[in-house]
Amino acid sequence: MLQNKIKKHLTQLQQKKFRKEFQEFIIEGVKGVSEALNSKFEVILVVVDGSKRDEKDFAQIIELAEKKEIPVEFCGRDDVVSIKTTDTFPGVLAVVEQREVVLEDITDGSIICLDQVKDPGNLGTIIRTADWFGVKNILLSEDCVDLHNPKVVRGTMGSIFHVNVFRASDVVGSLGKLKSEFGFKVISMCMDGENINRDKIEISRDRTVFVFGSESHGVREEIEKMSDKKYTILGKGQAESLNVAISVGVLLSKVR
């Protein structure tokens, strides 16, 4: 059984205001917790379903946590109801310290910039997709969904520990600084850009920011105006729009 203070803290971290207050977040599942333990992030606590402690995957997590002198607590069936962030508890979770990232931390290589992306599932998938294509830097506008939302964290499948994510307080200002001080080019995905399927992109990944807007609002006008190039993914069917996470995958598959 977990101590009440631990259950209370885990419950609090499911809310954005407490994640901000404590600068911590929760990662669930064998893969996610393993990635956290093997990353440079500070893992504060690991919680394991007591009935699974002898199973291979969970035993390995316990061994690694103890080797790193990270506290391990065991929970019972009654505890799971209050601490889980999904319908079915995957048997293990970890409390991880949020990492502070500044603009200068994302100036090595290319950057994906997300403007007003609100859906946590999309953000999680985009982080995972960026990691797949080797893009390690992500810039979030001030009005994007919270990076540490449980659904975002789950959607990254551990890739949250492989990338640098910076949340801007003024995304237009941050992009301007990347252009003027660090020599970045800005490429935006817009409805009125050149057809990405017809025009082969011959752009180096280095010093390039790829900007994607929300499906409902697109990229804001100020960013469009400062873009060095604009591209469009033309559709052939009747769907109103293309999912932003899919758009990221399409673009990155064409960049060399």
C-alpha atoms as a PDB file:
ATOM      1  CA  MET A   1       0.000   0.000   0.000  1.00  0.00           C
ATOM      2  CA  LEU A   2       1.176   3.498  -0.812  1.00  0.00           C
ATOM      3  CA  GLN A   3       1.410   6.189   1.814  1.00  0.00           C
ATOM      4  CA  ASN A   4      -1.406   8.719   1.569  1.00  0.00           C
ATOM      5  CA  LYS A   5       1.030  11.572   0.920  1.00  0.00           C
ATOM      6  CA  ILE A   6       2.413   9.733  -2.124  1.00  0.00           C
ATOM      7  CA  LYS A   7      -1.070   8.991  -3.483  1.00  0.00           C
ATOM      8  CA  LYS A   8      -2.047  12.621  -2.962  1.00  0.00           C
ATOM      9  CA  HIS A   9       1.054  13.858  -4.799  1.00  0.00           C
ATOM     10  CA  LEU A  10       0.503  11.486  -7.730  1.00  0.00           C
ATOM     11  CA  THR A  11      -3.110  12.628  -7.970  1.00  0.00           C
ATOM     12  CA  GLN A  12      -2.031  16.285  -7.893  1.00  0.00           C
ATOM     13  CA  LEU A  13       0.401  15.760 -10.767  1.00  0.00           C
ATOM     14  CA  GLN A  14      -2.517  14.862 -13.011  1.00  0.00           C
ATOM     15  CA  GLN A  15      -3.413  18.584 -12.921  1.00  0.00           C
ATOM     16  CA  LYS A  16      -1.485  21.223 -14.836  1.00  0.00           C
ATOM     17  CA  LYS A  17      -1.296  23.706 -11.941  1.00  0.00           C
ATOM     18  CA  PHE A  18       0.423  21.192  -9.677  1.00  0.00           C
ATOM     19  CA  ARG A  19       2.778  20.030 -12.424  1.00  0.00           C
ATOM     20  CA  LYS A  20       3.797  23.655 -12.793  1.00  0.00           C
ATOM     21  CA  GLU A  21       4.096  24.156  -9.030  1.00  0.00           C
ATOM     22  CA  PHE A  22       6.244  21.075  -8.402  1.00  0.00           C
ATOM     23  CA  GLN A  23       7.990  21.085 -11.814  1.00  0.00           C
ATOM     24  CA  GLU A  24       7.355  17.342 -12.094  1.00  0.00           C
ATOM     25  CA  PHE A  25       5.364  15.005 -14.335  1.00  0.00           C
ATOM     26  CA  ILE A  26       4.334  11.348 -14.493  1.00  0.00           C
ATOM     27  CA  ILE A  27       5.417   8.766 -17.049  1.00  0.00           C
ATOM     28  CA  GLU A  28       3.632   5.397 -17.154  1.00  0.00           C
ATOM     29  CA  GLY A  29       4.463   2.026 -18.660  1.00  0.00           C
ATOM     30  CA  VAL A  30       7.526  -0.198 -18.884  1.00  0.00           C
ATOM     31  CA  LYS A  31       8.966   1.508 -21.986  1.00  0.00           C
ATOM     32  CA  GLY A  32       8.399   5.060 -20.764  1.00  0.00           C
ATOM     33  CA  VAL A  33       9.805   4.449 -17.285  1.00  0.00           C
ATOM     34  CA  SER A  34      12.790   2.561 -18.715  1.00  0.00           C
ATOM     35  CA  GLU A  35      13.514   5.464 -21.076  1.00  0.00           C
ATOM     36  CA  ALA A  36      13.297   7.889 -18.155  1.00  0.00           C
ATOM     37  CA  LEU A  37      15.699   5.851 -16.044  1.00  0.00           C
ATOM     38  CA  ASN A  38      18.204   5.686 -18.899  1.00  0.00           C
ATOM     39  CA  SER A  39      17.955   9.399 -19.713  1.00  0.00           C
ATOM     40  CA  LYS A  40      19.551  12.525 -18.253  1.00  0.00           C
ATOM     41  CA  PHE A  41      16.256  13.475 -16.626  1.00  0.00           C
ATOM     42  CA  GLU A  42      16.067  13.207 -12.846  1.00  0.00           C
ATOM     43  CA  VAL A  43      13.680  10.449 -11.786  1.00  0.00           C
ATOM     44  CA  ILE A  44      12.323  11.191  -8.327  1.00  0.00           C
ATOM     45  CA  LEU A  45      10.238   8.101  -7.593  1.00  0.00           C
ATOM     46  CA  VAL A  46       9.237   4.802  -9.196  1.00  0.00           C
ATOM     47  CA  VAL A  47       5.950   3.095  -8.295  1.00  0.00           C
ATOM     48  CA  VAL A  48       5.415  -0.576  -9.204  1.00  0.00           C
ATOM     49  CA  ASP A  49       2.345  -2.776  -8.906  1.00  0.00           C
ATOM     50  CA  GLY A  50       3.367  -5.125  -6.101  1.00  0.00           C
ATOM     51  CA  SER A  51       1.843  -8.124  -7.853  1.00  0.00           C
ATOM     52  CA  LYS A  52       4.223  -7.619 -10.823  1.00  0.00           C
ATOM     53  CA  ARG A  53       7.469  -7.037  -8.938  1.00  0.00           C
ATOM     54  CA  ASP A  54       8.909 -10.445  -9.879  1.00  0.00           C
ATOM     55  CA  GLU A  55       8.045 -10.248 -13.581  1.00  0.00           C
ATOM     56  CA  LYS A  56      11.126  -9.768 -15.757  1.00  0.00           C
ATOM     57  CA  ASP A  57      10.447  -6.275 -17.150  1.00  0.00           C
ATOM     58  CA  PHE A  58       9.386  -4.877 -13.776  1.00  0.00           C
ATOM     59  CA  ALA A  59      12.232  -6.568 -11.927  1.00  0.00           C
ATOM     60  CA  GLN A  60      14.697  -4.948 -14.324  1.00  0.00           C
ATOM     61  CA  ILE A  61      13.175  -1.520 -13.687  1.00  0.00           C
ATOM     62  CA  ILE A  62      13.368  -2.057  -9.928  1.00  0.00           C
ATOM     63  CA  GLU A  63      16.988  -3.165 -10.199  1.00  0.00           C
ATOM     64  CA  LEU A  64      17.952  -0.159 -12.342  1.00  0.00           C
ATOM     65  CA  ALA A  65      16.147   2.303 -10.050  1.00  0.00           C
ATOM     66  CA  GLU A  66      17.793   0.870  -6.958  1.00  0.00           C
ATOM     67  CA  LYS A  67      21.179   0.972  -8.685  1.00  0.00           C
ATOM     68  CA  LYS A  68      20.620   4.683  -9.284  1.00  0.00           C
ATOM     69  CA  GLU A  69      19.417   5.092  -5.674  1.00  0.00           C
ATOM     70  CA  ILE A  70      15.944   6.133  -6.787  1.00  0.00           C
ATOM     71  CA  PRO A  71      13.183   5.286  -4.284  1.00  0.00           C
ATOM     72  CA  VAL A  72      10.850   2.460  -5.352  1.00  0.00           C
ATOM     73  CA  GLU A  73       7.378   2.112  -3.838  1.00  0.00           C
ATOM     74  CA  PHE A  74       4.908  -0.726  -4.329  1.00  0.00           C
ATOM     75  CA  CYS A  75       1.204  -0.176  -4.808  1.00  0.00           C
ATOM     76  CA  GLY A  76      -1.786  -2.429  -4.302  1.00  0.00           C
ATOM     77  CA  ARG A  77      -5.037  -2.843  -6.202  1.00  0.00           C
ATOM     78  CA  ASP A  78      -6.789  -0.194  -4.103  1.00  0.00           C
ATOM     79  CA  ASP A  79      -4.055   2.362  -4.800  1.00  0.00           C
ATOM     80  CA  VAL A  80      -4.317   2.019  -8.579  1.00  0.00           C
ATOM     81  CA  VAL A  81      -7.743   3.652  -8.758  1.00  0.00           C
ATOM     82  CA  SER A  82      -6.411   6.983  -7.535  1.00  0.00           C
ATOM     83  CA  ILE A  83      -2.950   7.056  -9.163  1.00  0.00           C
ATOM     84  CA  LYS A  84      -3.563   5.793 -12.702  1.00  0.00           C
ATOM     85  CA  THR A  85      -3.891   8.245 -15.607  1.00  0.00           C
ATOM     86  CA  THR A  86      -5.419   5.678 -17.969  1.00  0.00           C
ATOM     87  CA  ASP A  87      -8.294   3.201 -17.712  1.00  0.00           C
ATOM     88  CA  THR A  88      -5.849   0.344 -17.208  1.00  0.00           C
ATOM     89  CA  PHE A  89      -2.743   0.852 -15.080  1.00  0.00           C
ATOM     90  CA  PRO A  90       0.293  -0.567 -16.937  1.00  0.00           C
ATOM     91  CA  GLY A  91       1.932  -1.688 -13.710  1.00  0.00           C
ATOM     92  CA  VAL A  92       4.606   0.971 -13.297  1.00  0.00           C
ATOM     93  CA  LEU A  93       4.986   4.738 -13.265  1.00  0.00           C
ATOM     94  CA  ALA A  94       7.681   7.231 -12.430  1.00  0.00           C
ATOM     95  CA  VAL A  95       7.696  10.806 -11.184  1.00  0.00           C
ATOM     96  CA  VAL A  96      10.181  12.785 -13.259  1.00  0.00           C
ATOM     97  CA  GLU A  97      11.550  16.282 -12.795  1.00  0.00           C
ATOM     98  CA  GLN A  98      10.736  18.668 -15.622  1.00  0.00           C
ATOM     99  CA  ARG A  99      13.794  19.896 -17.485  1.00  0.00           C
ATOM    100  CA  GLU A 100      14.315  23.589 -18.115  1.00  0.00           C
ATOM    101  CA  VAL A 101      15.036  24.312 -21.780  1.00  0.00           C
ATOM    102  CA  VAL A 102      15.943  27.768 -23.109  1.00  0.00           C
ATOM    103  CA  LEU A 103      15.991  28.979 -26.709  1.00  0.00           C
ATOM    104  CA  GLU A 104      19.745  28.557 -27.005  1.00  0.00           C
ATOM    105  CA  ASP A 105      19.357  24.831 -26.219  1.00  0.00           C
ATOM    106  CA  ILE A 106      17.511  24.195 -29.495  1.00  0.00           C
ATOM    107  CA  THR A 107      19.864  25.979 -31.901  1.00  0.00           C
ATOM    108  CA  ASP A 108      21.841  22.900 -32.947  1.00  0.00           C
ATOM    109  CA  GLY A 109      20.284  21.358 -36.054  1.00  0.00           C
ATOM    110  CA  SER A 110      16.742  21.749 -37.353  1.00  0.00           C
ATOM    111  CA  ILE A 111      13.671  22.730 -35.323  1.00  0.00           C
ATOM    112  CA  ILE A 112       9.994  21.845 -35.515  1.00  0.00           C
ATOM    113  CA  CYS A 113       7.862  24.789 -34.403  1.00  0.00           C
ATOM    114  CA  LEU A 114       4.239  24.177 -33.437  1.00  0.00           C
ATOM    115  CA  ASP A 115       1.881  27.140 -33.460  1.00  0.00           C
ATOM    116  CA  GLN A 116      -1.331  26.851 -31.408  1.00  0.00           C
ATOM    117  CA  VAL A 117      -1.451  23.044 -31.457  1.00  0.00           C
ATOM    118  CA  LYS A 118      -3.994  22.197 -28.750  1.00  0.00           C
ATOM    119  CA  ASP A 119      -4.558  18.452 -29.054  1.00  0.00           C
ATOM    120  CA  PRO A 120      -2.366  16.445 -26.633  1.00  0.00           C
ATOM    121  CA  GLY A 121      -2.475  13.336 -28.809  1.00  0.00           C
ATOM    122  CA  ASN A 122      -1.113  15.302 -31.755  1.00  0.00           C
ATOM    123  CA  LEU A 123       1.738  16.801 -29.733  1.00  0.00           C
ATOM    124  CA  GLY A 124       2.742  13.406 -28.364  1.00  0.00           C
ATOM    125  CA  THR A 125       2.749  11.887 -31.854  1.00  0.00           C
ATOM    126  CA  ILE A 126       4.726  14.811 -33.279  1.00  0.00           C
ATOM    127  CA  ILE A 127       7.436  14.424 -30.643  1.00  0.00           C
ATOM    128  CA  ARG A 128       7.661  10.709 -31.402  1.00  0.00           C
ATOM    129  CA  THR A 129       7.742  11.405 -35.160  1.00  0.00           C
ATOM    130  CA  ALA A 130      10.436  14.051 -34.789  1.00  0.00           C
ATOM    131  CA  ASP A 131      12.539  11.613 -32.779  1.00  0.00           C
ATOM    132  CA  TRP A 132      12.098   8.969 -35.511  1.00  0.00           C
ATOM    133  CA  PHE A 133      13.406  11.347 -38.185  1.00  0.00           C
ATOM    134  CA  GLY A 134      16.283  12.557 -36.010  1.00  0.00           C
ATOM    135  CA  VAL A 135      14.928  16.041 -35.275  1.00  0.00           C
ATOM    136  CA  LYS A 136      15.871  16.773 -31.672  1.00  0.00           C
ATOM    137  CA  ASN A 137      14.553  20.307 -31.233  1.00  0.00           C
ATOM    138  CA  ILE A 138      10.947  21.438 -30.821  1.00  0.00           C
ATOM    139  CA  LEU A 139       9.628  24.950 -30.264  1.00  0.00           C
ATOM    140  CA  LEU A 140       6.122  25.348 -28.844  1.00  0.00           C
ATOM    141  CA  SER A 141       4.150  28.566 -29.081  1.00  0.00           C
ATOM    142  CA  GLU A 142       2.872  30.038 -25.848  1.00  0.00           C
ATOM    143  CA  ASP A 143      -0.649  28.765 -26.549  1.00  0.00           C
ATOM    144  CA  CYS A 144       0.171  25.129 -27.319  1.00  0.00           C
ATOM    145  CA  VAL A 145      -1.050  22.284 -25.121  1.00  0.00           C
ATOM    146  CA  ASP A 146       0.987  21.546 -21.969  1.00  0.00           C
ATOM    147  CA  LEU A 147       4.008  19.377 -22.821  1.00  0.00           C
ATOM    148  CA  HIS A 148       3.562  17.348 -19.624  1.00  0.00           C
ATOM    149  CA  ASN A 149      -0.128  16.598 -20.081  1.00  0.00           C
ATOM    150  CA  PRO A 150      -0.447  12.824 -19.375  1.00  0.00           C
ATOM    151  CA  LYS A 151      -1.847  12.163 -22.851  1.00  0.00           C
ATOM    152  CA  VAL A 152       1.064  14.016 -24.460  1.00  0.00           C
ATOM    153  CA  VAL A 153       3.600  12.080 -22.391  1.00  0.00           C
ATOM    154  CA  ARG A 154       1.981   8.727 -23.229  1.00  0.00           C
ATOM    155  CA  GLY A 155       1.836   9.611 -26.930  1.00  0.00           C
ATOM    156  CA  THR A 156       5.584  10.230 -27.100  1.00  0.00           C
ATOM    157  CA  MET A 157       6.281   6.565 -26.183  1.00  0.00           C
ATOM    158  CA  GLY A 158       9.423   7.675 -24.355  1.00  0.00           C
ATOM    159  CA  SER A 159      10.639  10.106 -27.031  1.00  0.00           C
ATOM    160  CA  ILE A 160      10.018  12.997 -24.622  1.00  0.00           C
ATOM    161  CA  PHE A 161      13.369  12.009 -23.108  1.00  0.00           C
ATOM    162  CA  HIS A 162      15.205  12.230 -26.448  1.00  0.00           C
ATOM    163  CA  VAL A 163      14.290  15.742 -27.596  1.00  0.00           C
ATOM    164  CA  ASN A 164      14.692  19.332 -26.423  1.00  0.00           C
ATOM    165  CA  VAL A 165      11.331  21.094 -26.111  1.00  0.00           C
ATOM    166  CA  PHE A 166      11.268  24.850 -25.545  1.00  0.00           C
ATOM    167  CA  ARG A 167       8.010  26.697 -24.823  1.00  0.00           C
ATOM    168  CA  ALA A 168       8.178  30.289 -26.010  1.00  0.00           C
ATOM    169  CA  SER A 169       6.515  33.165 -24.199  1.00  0.00           C
ATOM    170  CA  ASP A 170       6.440  34.952 -27.577  1.00  0.00           C
ATOM    171  CA  VAL A 171       6.808  32.551 -30.507  1.00  0.00           C
ATOM    172  CA  VAL A 172       7.075  35.332 -33.105  1.00  0.00           C
ATOM    173  CA  GLY A 173       9.872  36.955 -31.122  1.00  0.00           C
ATOM    174  CA  SER A 174      11.654  33.624 -30.687  1.00  0.00           C
ATOM    175  CA  LEU A 175      11.505  32.896 -34.425  1.00  0.00           C
ATOM    176  CA  GLY A 176      12.789  36.390 -35.140  1.00  0.00           C
ATOM    177  CA  LYS A 177      15.735  35.793 -32.836  1.00  0.00           C
ATOM    178  CA  LEU A 178      16.481  32.433 -34.462  1.00  0.00           C
ATOM    179  CA  LYS A 179      16.590  34.186 -37.850  1.00  0.00           C
ATOM    180  CA  SER A 180      18.564  37.276 -36.866  1.00  0.00           C
ATOM    181  CA  GLU A 181      20.977  35.912 -34.264  1.00  0.00           C
ATOM    182  CA  PHE A 182      21.388  32.251 -35.213  1.00  0.00           C
ATOM    183  CA  GLY A 183      20.951  32.339 -38.985  1.00  0.00           C
ATOM    184  CA  PHE A 184      17.900  30.065 -39.230  1.00  0.00           C
ATOM    185  CA  LYS A 185      15.533  29.936 -42.192  1.00  0.00           C
ATOM    186  CA  VAL A 186      11.812  29.579 -41.513  1.00  0.00           C
ATOM    187  CA  ILE A 187       9.649  27.265 -43.624  1.00  0.00           C
ATOM    188  CA  SER A 188       5.919  27.271 -42.907  1.00  0.00           C
ATOM    189  CA  MET A 189       3.282  24.756 -43.904  1.00  0.00           C
ATOM    190  CA  CYS A 190       0.358  26.840 -45.186  1.00  0.00           C
ATOM    191  CA  MET A 191      -2.686  26.485 -47.430  1.00  0.00           C
ATOM    192  CA  ASP A 192      -1.268  28.835 -50.079  1.00  0.00           C
ATOM    193  CA  GLY A 193       2.303  27.550 -50.330  1.00  0.00           C
ATOM    194  CA  GLU A 194       4.063  25.627 -53.106  1.00  0.00           C
ATOM    195  CA  ASN A 195       2.990  22.045 -53.653  1.00  0.00           C
ATOM    196  CA  ILE A 196       5.374  19.934 -51.579  1.00  0.00           C
ATOM    197  CA  ASN A 197       4.621  16.872 -53.704  1.00  0.00           C
ATOM    198  CA  ARG A 198       5.589  18.589 -56.944  1.00  0.00           C
ATOM    199  CA  ASP A 199       8.573  20.596 -55.777  1.00  0.00           C
ATOM    200  CA  LYS A 200      11.393  18.602 -54.268  1.00  0.00           C
ATOM    201  CA  ILE A 201      12.705  20.275 -51.131  1.00  0.00           C
ATOM    202  CA  GLU A 202      16.425  20.846 -51.468  1.00  0.00           C
ATOM    203  CA  ILE A 203      17.077  22.289 -48.048  1.00  0.00           C
ATOM    204  CA  SER A 204      19.611  21.295 -45.450  1.00  0.00           C
ATOM    205  CA  ARG A 205      18.162  20.304 -42.100  1.00  0.00           C
ATOM    206  CA  ASP A 206      20.726  22.573 -40.473  1.00  0.00           C
ATOM    207  CA  ARG A 207      19.535  26.009 -39.426  1.00  0.00           C
ATOM    208  CA  THR A 208      15.951  25.425 -40.561  1.00  0.00           C
ATOM    209  CA  VAL A 209      12.719  25.863 -38.599  1.00  0.00           C
ATOM    210  CA  PHE A 210       9.698  23.965 -39.925  1.00  0.00           C
ATOM    211  CA  VAL A 211       6.480  25.615 -38.702  1.00  0.00           C
ATOM    212  CA  PHE A 212       3.126  23.848 -38.402  1.00  0.00           C
ATOM    213  CA  GLY A 213      -0.116  25.433 -37.254  1.00  0.00           C
ATOM    214  CA  SER A 214      -3.270  23.963 -35.803  1.00  0.00           C
ATOM    215  CA  GLU A 215      -5.767  22.297 -38.137  1.00  0.00           C
ATOM    216  CA  SER A 216      -8.412  24.912 -37.320  1.00  0.00           C
ATOM    217  CA  HIS A 217      -6.319  28.104 -37.453  1.00  0.00           C
ATOM    218  CA  GLY A 218      -3.146  27.267 -39.366  1.00  0.00           C
ATOM    219  CA  VAL A 219       0.045  29.271 -38.934  1.00  0.00           C
ATOM    220  CA  ARG A 220      -0.557  32.774 -37.611  1.00  0.00           C
ATOM    221  CA  GLU A 221      -0.176  35.650 -40.051  1.00  0.00           C
ATOM    222  CA  GLU A 222       2.911  37.141 -38.385  1.00  0.00           C
ATOM    223  CA  ILE A 223       4.810  33.878 -38.861  1.00  0.00           C
ATOM    224  CA  GLU A 224       3.668  33.504 -42.472  1.00  0.00           C
ATOM    225  CA  LYS A 225       5.026  36.983 -43.228  1.00  0.00           C
ATOM    226  CA  MET A 226       8.460  36.187 -41.780  1.00  0.00           C
ATOM    227  CA  SER A 227       8.742  32.813 -43.532  1.00  0.00           C
ATOM    228  CA  ASP A 228      11.472  32.297 -46.108  1.00  0.00           C
ATOM    229  CA  LYS A 229       9.418  29.613 -47.852  1.00  0.00           C
ATOM    230  CA  LYS A 230       5.876  28.235 -47.627  1.00  0.00           C
ATOM    231  CA  TYR A 231       4.719  24.758 -48.641  1.00  0.00           C
ATOM    232  CA  THR A 232       1.365  23.026 -48.945  1.00  0.00           C
ATOM    233  CA  ILE A 233       0.402  19.348 -48.875  1.00  0.00           C
ATOM    234  CA  LEU A 234      -2.363  19.179 -51.474  1.00  0.00           C
ATOM    235  CA  GLY A 235      -5.156  16.682 -50.897  1.00  0.00           C
ATOM    236  CA  LYS A 236      -7.080  14.612 -53.439  1.00  0.00           C
ATOM    237  CA  GLY A 237     -10.134  13.690 -51.408  1.00  0.00           C
ATOM    238  CA  GLN A 238     -12.914  15.467 -49.551  1.00  0.00           C
ATOM    239  CA  ALA A 239     -11.422  15.733 -46.047  1.00  0.00           C
ATOM    240  CA  GLU A 240     -11.477  19.286 -44.751  1.00  0.00           C
ATOM    241  CA  SER A 241      -7.916  19.201 -43.423  1.00  0.00           C
ATOM    242  CA  LEU A 242      -4.886  16.992 -42.852  1.00  0.00           C
ATOM    243  CA  ASN A 243      -3.980  16.024 -39.298  1.00  0.00           C
ATOM    244  CA  VAL A 244      -1.028  18.140 -38.154  1.00  0.00           C
ATOM    245  CA  ALA A 245       0.933  15.143 -36.871  1.00  0.00           C
ATOM    246  CA  ILE A 246       0.582  13.486 -40.290  1.00  0.00           C
ATOM    247  CA  SER A 247       1.746  16.734 -41.914  1.00  0.00           C
ATOM    248  CA  VAL A 248       4.911  16.677 -39.831  1.00  0.00           C
ATOM    249  CA  GLY A 249       5.626  13.122 -40.947  1.00  0.00           C
ATOM    250  CA  VAL A 250       5.045  13.962 -44.621  1.00  0.00           C
ATOM    251  CA  LEU A 251       7.368  16.944 -44.540  1.00  0.00           C
ATOM    252  CA  LEU A 252      10.156  15.244 -42.620  1.00  0.00           C
ATOM    253  CA  SER A 253      10.070  12.279 -44.992  1.00  0.00           C
ATOM    254  CA  LYS A 254      10.933  14.656 -47.849  1.00  0.00           C
ATOM    255  CA  VAL A 255      13.645  16.734 -46.200  1.00  0.00           C
ATOM    256  CA  ARG A 256      17.234  15.676 -46.880  1.00  0.00           C
END
